[in-house]
Amino acid sequence: MTIDLMLRSAREAAYRVLDTVVVWLEVDVFDPLNRRFPQADWKYVTLFALLLFPFFEPEGLRYAISPAVGKLYLVLRLAATVVIGLIYVFCARKDRFSLIAFAIAVLMFASTVVNEGNGRAWIYTQCFCDWSPLMAAVLLVAYARKEHMIELLWAIMIVTGVLSVCNTISVMGWPDGIAVGSREPTNFFGHKNASIDLILPSVGCSLLLDTSRKRRFSVRSATFLVIGFVQCVLTYSATSVVALVVFLALVAAVQFQRARSFVNGLSCLAAYLLATALLVWVKVQELLAPLIVGGLGKSVTFTGRTFVWDGVLSIMDSSHLLVGYGASLRFGLVFNDYLYNNAHNFILHVLVSGGLLGVVLYGALLLMAAVALYRHRHKYSTGVLVAVVGCFLVVGLMESLITVSWPLFLALAYYWGSSKGSMLDDCS
C-alpha cells in the first residue's frame, strides 16, 4: 500500500510539473491533465523542425569547434532542400507566389554561372547558401498552408526559440563575443546582427499561436521577447534594437482594430520603399546626424554602409544591369579600402545579385504579400504578421536579408489568410 501510494504521489507530482511547463509554453501537442487544448500533429511538427534546423546554422559553433560543422550543416541543408522540393512537387498546389520564388533562385544561379563560369567552385556553394533559403521557405509554407500551418508555426518557434535561448546564454557569458578567428568576435549563433533572425521568428510564431488560443499575448511570447532584448542590448546591435522598438510599436498599434486599417501590408511596404530612397539616394541621414550619432551612437555612414551602397550603384553597368553578378561578388565588394561581404541593404543586394530582373521578381513577391496582408487587415493575427514583416523591412534597410527567417514570414504573410491558422483567429 505504501509503495502504491508513493508511486501515485510521484506520478501526480510529475504530471503537475509537466502541466506547469505546458501552461507556460501553451503547448498544444501534450495535455497531461486533459485541458482539451486544440491539438497539433506532433509528427508534422517534428518533420518541419527537422527540415528547418539546417537553415539555422550557429556559425559561432562552427568557428569554435571545427569547419566540419559547417560542412555537416551544408549537407543537411542540401538534403532538406531536396526533400522540401519533392514535397512541394508531389503534395502542394502550385501558385504564382511559390513559382516566382523558385524563379528567383534559378535566376541567381544562372547569373552566377554567367559571371563566374568555371571559376571558383565555392562561389556556387555560396550561391546555394544565399538563395536556397528563399526557395525552401516559400515551398514549405506553400505545402503547409491548408492543413498544417499550426504545426509549421510550432516547428519554427521551437527551432528558433531553442537557438535564441542558447545564443542568450552565450551573450550573457561573453557580452563582447568570442574571438575565434573570424574578422569580428562572434556569439553562439554568429554575428550580433544575426540575433534578430532568431528573435523575430520565435516571438512572431508564438504570437500567432496565441491567436489560435483566443489570446493576444502569452507568458511564452513575453519570455521570448525579453530574451531577444537581452541579446540585442548586451551586444548592442543598433539595427536590431531599433527594429525591436518598431516591432513593439506596431504590435501595440494593431491591438486596436481601427488602427489596422492604417498599419497594414501596403503601408509598411510604402514606408520601407520611402525610407530606402531617403537613405540610399537622398542621404537624409546627414540631416539626422544628432539623432544617429548622439542617440544611437553610430556614424552617419552607418558603420560604413553608405560606402557599399554607393559602390554597388556605381558597378551596375549596362552589362550587369539586367541580371546582376549572381554570387560572384560575395565577399568581394571592396569600397573605401574595406572588404564587404554583401550590399548591407535588401534591395541593393537583390539588385547586385539578380539585376533589374531580380528586383522585379522579388518586388512581385513583396507586393503580393503586402496585398494579401491588406486584404485581411482587420484580423488581429494579420496585424501580428504586419508587425513582423515590417520589422524585417526595417532590418532590410541595413542588412541583405539572405536568411531563411525573412522568406518564411514573407510566405506566411501571403498564405496566412487562406490557412487553417487564420481561421482559428478569434481575436477581434
Protein backbone atom coordinates (compact mmCIF):
# COMPACT_ATOMS: atom_id res chain seq x y z
CA MET A 1 0.00 0.00 0.00
CA THR A 2 2.74 2.41 0.93
CA ILE A 3 4.63 1.74 -2.32
CA ASP A 4 1.45 2.16 -4.38
CA LEU A 5 0.71 5.43 -2.59
CA MET A 6 4.23 6.68 -3.20
CA LEU A 7 4.02 5.76 -6.90
CA ARG A 8 0.69 7.52 -7.27
CA SER A 9 2.04 10.59 -5.47
CA ALA A 10 5.17 10.63 -7.64
CA ARG A 11 3.08 10.29 -10.80
CA GLU A 12 0.77 13.09 -9.70
CA ALA A 13 3.75 15.32 -8.87
CA ALA A 14 5.31 14.60 -12.27
CA TYR A 15 2.05 15.48 -14.01
CA ARG A 16 1.85 18.71 -12.04
CA VAL A 17 5.37 19.68 -13.08
CA LEU A 18 4.64 18.81 -16.71
CA ASP A 19 1.39 20.73 -16.52
CA THR A 20 3.23 23.81 -15.25
CA VAL A 21 5.56 23.59 -18.24
CA VAL A 22 2.57 23.10 -20.55
CA VAL A 23 0.81 26.18 -19.20
CA TRP A 24 3.97 28.30 -19.64
CA LEU A 25 4.62 27.05 -23.17
CA GLU A 26 0.93 26.95 -24.10
CA VAL A 27 1.74 23.58 -25.66
CA ASP A 28 -0.98 22.11 -27.88
CA VAL A 29 0.72 18.78 -28.54
CA PHE A 30 0.75 17.49 -24.95
CA ASP A 31 -2.04 17.70 -22.42
CA PRO A 32 -1.37 15.52 -19.34
CA LEU A 33 -4.25 16.88 -17.27
CA ASN A 34 -6.82 16.89 -20.10
CA ARG A 35 -7.17 20.63 -20.52
CA ARG A 36 -8.55 19.90 -24.00
CA PHE A 37 -6.15 22.16 -25.86
CA PRO A 38 -6.61 22.25 -29.65
CA GLN A 39 -4.25 19.56 -30.87
CA ALA A 40 -1.32 19.91 -33.28
CA ASP A 41 0.03 16.86 -35.06
CA TRP A 42 3.37 16.09 -33.43
CA LYS A 43 4.58 14.11 -36.44
CA TYR A 44 4.36 17.15 -38.68
CA VAL A 45 5.89 19.43 -36.05
CA THR A 46 8.87 17.07 -35.91
CA LEU A 47 9.11 16.81 -39.69
CA PHE A 48 9.05 20.58 -40.18
CA ALA A 49 11.58 21.14 -37.38
CA LEU A 50 13.99 18.62 -38.93
CA LEU A 51 13.64 20.31 -42.32
CA LEU A 52 14.17 23.79 -40.90
CA PHE A 53 17.06 23.43 -38.46
CA PRO A 54 19.79 23.00 -41.17
CA PHE A 55 18.95 26.53 -42.35
CA PHE A 56 19.72 27.97 -38.89
CA GLU A 57 23.41 27.20 -38.64
CA PRO A 58 25.04 28.50 -35.42
CA GLU A 59 28.14 29.99 -37.03
CA GLY A 60 29.83 30.60 -33.70
CA LEU A 61 29.69 26.88 -33.05
CA ARG A 62 31.40 26.23 -36.37
CA TYR A 63 34.20 28.68 -35.60
CA ALA A 64 34.64 27.36 -32.07
CA ILE A 65 34.61 23.63 -32.83
CA SER A 66 35.61 22.83 -36.40
CA PRO A 67 34.91 23.77 -40.03
CA ALA A 68 33.47 20.26 -40.30
CA VAL A 69 30.38 21.58 -38.51
CA GLY A 70 29.78 23.93 -41.41
CA LYS A 71 30.19 21.12 -43.93
CA LEU A 72 27.73 18.98 -42.00
CA TYR A 73 25.14 21.77 -42.00
CA LEU A 74 25.72 22.28 -45.73
CA VAL A 75 24.99 18.61 -46.45
CA LEU A 76 21.91 18.71 -44.20
CA ARG A 77 20.71 21.91 -45.88
CA LEU A 78 21.09 20.30 -49.31
CA ALA A 79 19.16 17.24 -48.16
CA ALA A 80 16.42 19.39 -46.59
CA THR A 81 16.11 21.46 -49.78
CA VAL A 82 15.71 18.30 -51.87
CA VAL A 83 13.07 16.87 -49.50
CA ILE A 84 11.14 20.15 -49.42
CA GLY A 85 11.27 20.32 -53.21
CA LEU A 86 9.89 16.79 -53.52
CA ILE A 87 7.12 17.51 -51.00
CA TYR A 88 6.18 20.62 -52.98
CA VAL A 89 6.21 18.85 -56.36
CA PHE A 90 4.08 15.90 -55.27
CA CYS A 91 1.93 17.27 -52.43
CA ALA A 92 1.46 21.05 -52.78
CA ARG A 93 -0.71 23.14 -55.06
CA LYS A 94 1.39 25.27 -57.39
CA ASP A 95 0.73 29.02 -57.48
CA ARG A 96 2.35 32.22 -58.69
CA PHE A 97 3.98 33.10 -55.39
CA SER A 98 5.87 29.84 -54.97
CA LEU A 99 6.82 29.68 -58.66
CA ILE A 100 8.22 33.21 -58.55
CA ALA A 101 10.32 32.30 -55.50
CA PHE A 102 11.66 29.30 -57.42
CA ALA A 103 12.36 31.55 -60.43
CA ILE A 104 14.39 33.95 -58.27
CA ALA A 105 16.62 31.10 -57.05
CA VAL A 106 17.12 29.90 -60.63
CA LEU A 107 17.91 33.44 -61.80
CA MET A 108 20.56 33.91 -59.10
CA PHE A 109 22.21 30.62 -60.04
CA ALA A 110 22.10 31.45 -63.77
CA SER A 111 23.57 34.90 -63.14
CA THR A 112 26.37 33.29 -61.11
CA VAL A 113 27.11 30.91 -63.99
CA VAL A 114 27.22 33.80 -66.48
CA ASN A 115 29.64 35.81 -64.34
CA GLU A 116 31.72 33.05 -62.79
CA GLY A 117 31.83 30.34 -65.46
CA ASN A 118 34.29 27.61 -64.50
CA GLY A 119 35.92 29.81 -61.89
CA ARG A 120 35.77 29.42 -58.11
CA ALA A 121 33.73 26.38 -57.06
CA TRP A 122 32.98 27.81 -53.61
CA ILE A 123 31.04 30.67 -55.21
CA TYR A 124 28.39 28.18 -56.32
CA THR A 125 28.21 26.82 -52.79
CA GLN A 126 27.75 30.39 -51.56
CA CYS A 127 25.01 30.96 -54.13
CA PHE A 128 23.19 27.89 -52.81
CA CYS A 129 23.57 29.07 -49.21
CA ASP A 130 22.29 32.56 -50.10
CA TRP A 131 19.25 31.71 -52.20
CA SER A 132 18.14 28.18 -51.28
CA PRO A 133 16.53 29.53 -48.05
CA LEU A 134 14.15 31.70 -50.10
CA MET A 135 13.05 28.79 -52.28
CA ALA A 136 12.86 26.24 -49.46
CA ALA A 137 10.96 28.54 -47.09
CA VAL A 138 8.30 29.53 -49.63
CA LEU A 139 7.80 25.98 -50.91
CA LEU A 140 7.47 24.64 -47.35
CA VAL A 141 4.88 27.25 -46.36
CA ALA A 142 3.04 26.63 -49.64
CA TYR A 143 2.72 22.97 -48.66
CA ALA A 144 1.70 23.64 -45.04
CA ARG A 145 -0.79 26.43 -45.69
CA LYS A 146 -4.02 24.40 -45.79
CA GLU A 147 -3.83 21.73 -43.11
CA HIS A 148 -0.53 22.08 -41.27
CA MET A 149 0.09 25.78 -40.68
CA ILE A 150 -0.19 25.42 -36.90
CA GLU A 151 2.38 22.61 -36.96
CA LEU A 152 4.73 24.77 -39.05
CA LEU A 153 4.42 27.65 -36.58
CA TRP A 154 5.29 25.29 -33.74
CA ALA A 155 8.32 23.97 -35.63
CA ILE A 156 9.63 27.47 -36.41
CA MET A 157 9.11 28.60 -32.82
CA ILE A 158 10.79 25.54 -31.32
CA VAL A 159 13.85 25.70 -33.60
CA THR A 160 14.40 29.45 -33.27
CA GLY A 161 13.35 29.57 -29.62
CA VAL A 162 15.88 26.94 -28.54
CA LEU A 163 18.64 28.63 -30.56
CA SER A 164 17.65 32.02 -29.14
CA VAL A 165 18.00 30.71 -25.59
CA CYS A 166 21.42 29.22 -26.43
CA ASN A 167 22.51 32.49 -28.02
CA THR A 168 21.36 34.43 -24.95
CA ILE A 169 23.45 32.19 -22.71
CA SER A 170 26.41 32.87 -25.00
CA VAL A 171 25.79 36.61 -24.93
CA MET A 172 25.43 36.73 -21.15
CA GLY A 173 28.61 34.71 -20.68
CA TRP A 174 30.64 36.63 -23.28
CA PRO A 175 28.95 40.03 -23.94
CA ASP A 176 31.84 41.16 -26.16
CA GLY A 177 31.68 37.97 -28.21
CA ILE A 178 34.20 35.18 -28.54
CA ALA A 179 37.33 35.73 -30.64
CA VAL A 180 37.50 32.55 -32.72
CA GLY A 181 39.42 33.60 -35.82
CA SER A 182 36.64 35.41 -37.69
CA ARG A 183 37.00 39.09 -38.59
CA GLU A 184 34.85 40.11 -35.63
CA PRO A 185 34.03 38.37 -32.33
CA THR A 186 31.05 36.08 -32.64
CA ASN A 187 28.25 34.76 -30.46
CA PHE A 188 26.82 31.25 -30.48
CA PHE A 189 24.61 31.96 -33.50
CA GLY A 190 27.09 34.23 -35.25
CA HIS A 191 27.49 37.98 -35.67
CA LYS A 192 25.49 40.14 -33.27
CA ASN A 193 23.24 41.35 -36.11
CA ALA A 194 22.15 37.73 -36.75
CA SER A 195 20.28 37.50 -33.43
CA ILE A 196 17.22 39.16 -34.96
CA ASP A 197 16.79 36.12 -37.23
CA LEU A 198 16.03 34.08 -34.11
CA ILE A 199 14.15 36.71 -32.12
CA LEU A 200 11.52 37.68 -34.69
CA PRO A 201 10.52 34.12 -35.70
CA SER A 202 10.28 32.87 -32.12
CA VAL A 203 8.23 35.85 -30.93
CA GLY A 204 6.18 36.13 -34.11
CA CYS A 205 5.20 32.46 -34.23
CA SER A 206 4.40 32.49 -30.52
CA LEU A 207 2.05 35.45 -31.01
CA LEU A 208 0.36 33.75 -33.96
CA LEU A 209 -0.13 30.61 -31.88
CA ASP A 210 -1.57 32.80 -29.12
CA THR A 211 -4.30 33.98 -31.52
CA SER A 212 -5.41 30.37 -32.05
CA ARG A 213 -5.95 30.22 -28.26
CA LYS A 214 -8.11 33.37 -28.26
CA ARG A 215 -5.48 35.47 -26.53
CA ARG A 216 -3.30 38.40 -27.52
CA PHE A 217 -0.08 37.87 -25.57
CA SER A 218 1.11 34.90 -23.51
CA VAL A 219 3.86 34.50 -20.93
CA ARG A 220 5.71 32.45 -23.52
CA SER A 221 5.66 35.31 -26.04
CA ALA A 222 6.77 37.81 -23.40
CA THR A 223 9.64 35.50 -22.41
CA PHE A 224 10.90 35.16 -25.98
CA LEU A 225 10.70 38.94 -26.38
CA VAL A 226 12.68 39.61 -23.19
CA ILE A 227 15.28 37.07 -24.27
CA GLY A 228 15.57 38.92 -27.57
CA PHE A 229 16.05 42.31 -25.95
CA VAL A 230 18.74 40.87 -23.67
CA GLN A 231 20.71 39.68 -26.70
CA CYS A 232 20.42 42.96 -28.59
CA VAL A 233 21.15 45.22 -25.63
CA LEU A 234 24.14 43.29 -24.26
CA THR A 235 25.83 43.03 -27.67
CA TYR A 236 24.33 46.36 -28.79
CA SER A 237 23.19 45.85 -32.33
CA ALA A 238 21.66 49.25 -33.15
CA THR A 239 19.78 47.85 -36.16
CA SER A 240 18.22 45.09 -34.07
CA VAL A 241 17.34 47.38 -31.17
CA VAL A 242 15.63 49.86 -33.49
CA ALA A 243 13.82 47.02 -35.25
CA LEU A 244 12.52 45.59 -31.96
CA VAL A 245 11.32 49.03 -30.83
CA VAL A 246 9.46 49.38 -34.14
CA PHE A 247 8.08 45.87 -33.63
CA LEU A 248 6.69 46.78 -30.19
CA ALA A 249 5.15 49.96 -31.62
CA LEU A 250 3.48 48.02 -34.44
CA VAL A 251 2.22 45.29 -32.10
CA ALA A 252 0.78 47.97 -29.83
CA ALA A 253 -0.90 49.66 -32.79
CA VAL A 254 -2.55 46.50 -34.17
CA GLN A 255 -4.19 45.83 -30.79
CA PHE A 256 -6.81 48.34 -31.99
CA GLN A 257 -8.94 47.20 -34.91
CA ARG A 258 -9.33 50.70 -36.28
CA ALA A 259 -5.57 51.17 -36.40
CA ARG A 260 -5.19 48.07 -38.60
CA SER A 261 -6.77 49.99 -41.45
CA PHE A 262 -3.67 52.18 -41.48
CA VAL A 263 -0.99 49.80 -40.20
CA ASN A 264 -1.19 47.19 -42.93
CA GLY A 265 0.97 45.43 -45.51
CA LEU A 266 0.76 48.13 -48.15
CA SER A 267 1.50 50.99 -45.76
CA CYS A 268 4.54 49.15 -44.35
CA LEU A 269 5.86 48.38 -47.84
CA ALA A 270 5.38 52.01 -48.90
CA ALA A 271 7.17 53.22 -45.76
CA TYR A 272 10.07 50.85 -46.45
CA LEU A 273 10.47 51.99 -50.07
CA LEU A 274 10.35 55.63 -48.98
CA ALA A 275 12.92 55.05 -46.24
CA THR A 276 15.21 53.22 -48.69
CA ALA A 277 15.02 56.10 -51.17
CA LEU A 278 15.71 58.67 -48.44
CA LEU A 279 18.70 56.77 -47.04
CA VAL A 280 20.35 55.47 -50.22
CA TRP A 281 19.70 58.26 -52.71
CA VAL A 282 18.67 61.42 -50.79
CA LYS A 283 21.14 60.83 -47.90
CA VAL A 284 18.67 62.09 -45.30
CA GLN A 285 20.89 60.62 -42.58
CA GLU A 286 23.17 63.64 -42.89
CA LEU A 287 20.29 65.81 -41.69
CA LEU A 288 19.63 63.41 -38.81
CA ALA A 289 23.22 63.37 -37.58
CA PRO A 290 22.42 64.50 -33.99
CA LEU A 291 19.95 61.63 -33.55
CA ILE A 292 22.13 59.00 -35.23
CA VAL A 293 25.39 59.99 -33.58
CA GLY A 294 24.06 61.16 -30.21
CA GLY A 295 21.11 58.80 -29.78
CA LEU A 296 22.24 55.56 -31.42
CA GLY A 297 25.99 56.03 -31.06
CA LYS A 298 26.54 55.42 -34.79
CA SER A 299 28.12 57.47 -37.57
CA VAL A 300 26.10 58.94 -40.44
CA THR A 301 27.73 56.30 -42.67
CA PHE A 302 26.01 53.60 -40.56
CA THR A 303 29.33 51.86 -39.85
CA GLY A 304 30.45 52.24 -43.45
CA ARG A 305 27.24 51.05 -45.08
CA THR A 306 26.80 54.18 -47.19
CA PHE A 307 30.13 53.42 -48.89
CA VAL A 308 28.97 50.00 -50.05
CA TRP A 309 25.58 51.41 -51.11
CA ASP A 310 27.24 53.98 -53.35
CA GLY A 311 29.72 51.36 -54.54
CA VAL A 312 27.01 48.88 -55.55
CA LEU A 313 25.19 51.53 -57.56
CA SER A 314 28.45 52.52 -59.30
CA ILE A 315 29.20 48.99 -60.55
CA MET A 316 25.77 48.36 -62.06
CA ASP A 317 26.91 49.00 -65.63
CA SER A 318 24.93 48.14 -68.76
CA SER A 319 26.37 44.62 -68.99
CA HIS A 320 25.19 43.71 -65.47
CA LEU A 321 22.11 45.87 -65.05
CA LEU A 322 19.65 43.24 -66.27
CA VAL A 323 20.73 40.09 -64.39
CA GLY A 324 23.40 41.33 -61.97
CA TYR A 325 26.50 39.48 -60.80
CA GLY A 326 24.95 36.49 -59.07
CA ALA A 327 27.05 35.39 -56.10
CA SER A 328 30.33 36.18 -57.87
CA LEU A 329 30.82 39.38 -55.83
CA ARG A 330 30.06 37.82 -52.44
CA PHE A 331 32.97 38.62 -50.12
CA GLY A 332 34.40 40.69 -52.98
CA LEU A 333 32.87 44.15 -52.63
CA VAL A 334 35.80 46.47 -51.89
CA PHE A 335 34.88 50.11 -51.35
CA ASN A 336 36.67 52.81 -49.39
CA ASP A 337 39.53 50.33 -48.71
CA TYR A 338 37.21 47.93 -46.90
CA LEU A 339 36.00 44.46 -47.89
CA TYR A 340 32.23 43.94 -47.65
CA ASN A 341 30.63 40.51 -47.95
CA ASN A 342 27.22 41.81 -49.08
CA ALA A 343 25.42 45.03 -50.02
CA HIS A 344 24.05 45.65 -46.49
CA ASN A 345 20.70 46.65 -47.94
CA PHE A 346 17.92 44.31 -49.04
CA ILE A 347 17.01 45.95 -52.36
CA LEU A 348 20.61 46.70 -53.30
CA HIS A 349 21.68 43.12 -52.58
CA VAL A 350 18.91 41.79 -54.82
CA LEU A 351 19.97 44.33 -57.45
CA VAL A 352 23.68 43.43 -57.41
CA SER A 353 22.85 39.71 -57.36
CA GLY A 354 19.99 39.48 -59.85
CA GLY A 355 19.90 42.86 -61.58
CA LEU A 356 16.68 44.60 -62.50
CA LEU A 357 15.07 41.26 -63.32
CA GLY A 358 15.75 40.07 -59.77
CA VAL A 359 14.34 43.30 -58.33
CA VAL A 360 11.17 42.93 -60.41
CA LEU A 361 10.65 39.29 -59.38
CA TYR A 362 11.35 39.90 -55.69
CA GLY A 363 9.28 43.07 -55.87
CA ALA A 364 6.39 40.95 -57.11
CA LEU A 365 6.69 38.72 -54.02
CA LEU A 366 6.71 41.77 -51.76
CA LEU A 367 3.68 43.31 -53.46
CA MET A 368 1.69 40.05 -53.43
CA ALA A 369 2.40 39.55 -49.72
CA ALA A 370 1.55 43.17 -48.93
CA VAL A 371 -1.75 42.95 -50.83
CA ALA A 372 -2.63 39.71 -49.01
CA LEU A 373 -1.95 41.37 -45.65
CA TYR A 374 -4.04 44.38 -46.68
CA ARG A 375 -6.93 42.18 -47.80
CA HIS A 376 -7.12 40.53 -44.35
CA ARG A 377 -6.07 43.63 -42.38
CA HIS A 378 -8.99 43.51 -39.93
CA LYS A 379 -7.81 40.23 -38.35
CA TYR A 380 -5.56 40.54 -35.34
CA SER A 381 -3.32 37.66 -36.49
CA THR A 382 -2.74 39.52 -39.75
CA GLY A 383 -1.73 42.54 -37.69
CA VAL A 384 0.89 40.39 -35.94
CA LEU A 385 2.28 39.37 -39.34
CA VAL A 386 2.35 43.02 -40.42
CA ALA A 387 4.42 43.82 -37.32
CA VAL A 388 6.92 41.00 -38.01
CA VAL A 389 7.22 41.71 -41.75
CA GLY A 390 7.52 45.45 -41.05
CA CYS A 391 10.27 44.75 -38.53
CA PHE A 392 12.17 42.64 -41.08
CA LEU A 393 11.87 45.50 -43.57
CA VAL A 394 13.46 47.82 -41.00
CA VAL A 395 16.34 45.34 -40.74
CA GLY A 396 16.43 45.27 -44.55
CA LEU A 397 17.41 48.92 -44.60
CA MET A 398 20.81 47.92 -43.19
CA GLU A 399 21.12 44.18 -43.94
CA SER A 400 20.64 41.97 -47.01
CA LEU A 401 18.02 39.56 -45.54
CA ILE A 402 19.62 36.48 -47.12
CA THR A 403 18.46 34.18 -44.31
CA VAL A 404 15.57 31.74 -44.02
CA SER A 405 13.69 33.75 -41.38
CA TRP A 406 12.71 36.57 -43.75
CA PRO A 407 11.22 34.43 -46.58
CA LEU A 408 9.42 32.26 -44.02
CA PHE A 409 7.44 35.26 -42.80
CA LEU A 410 7.07 36.73 -46.28
CA ALA A 411 5.43 33.46 -47.32
CA LEU A 412 3.36 33.33 -44.13
CA ALA A 413 2.14 36.84 -44.93
CA TYR A 414 0.96 35.71 -48.37
CA TYR A 415 -0.60 32.37 -47.41
CA TRP A 416 -1.93 33.17 -43.92
CA GLY A 417 -5.35 34.48 -44.99
CA SER A 418 -6.34 31.14 -46.54
CA SER A 419 -4.70 28.96 -43.89
CA LYS A 420 -6.26 26.96 -41.08
CA GLY A 421 -4.33 29.11 -38.58
CA SER A 422 -6.07 32.26 -39.77
CA MET A 423 -9.47 30.62 -39.38
CA LEU A 424 -8.68 29.90 -35.71
CA ASP A 425 -8.07 33.60 -35.04
CA ASP A 426 -10.95 34.66 -32.81
CA CYS A 427 -9.28 37.83 -31.51
CA SER A 428 -11.17 40.93 -32.62
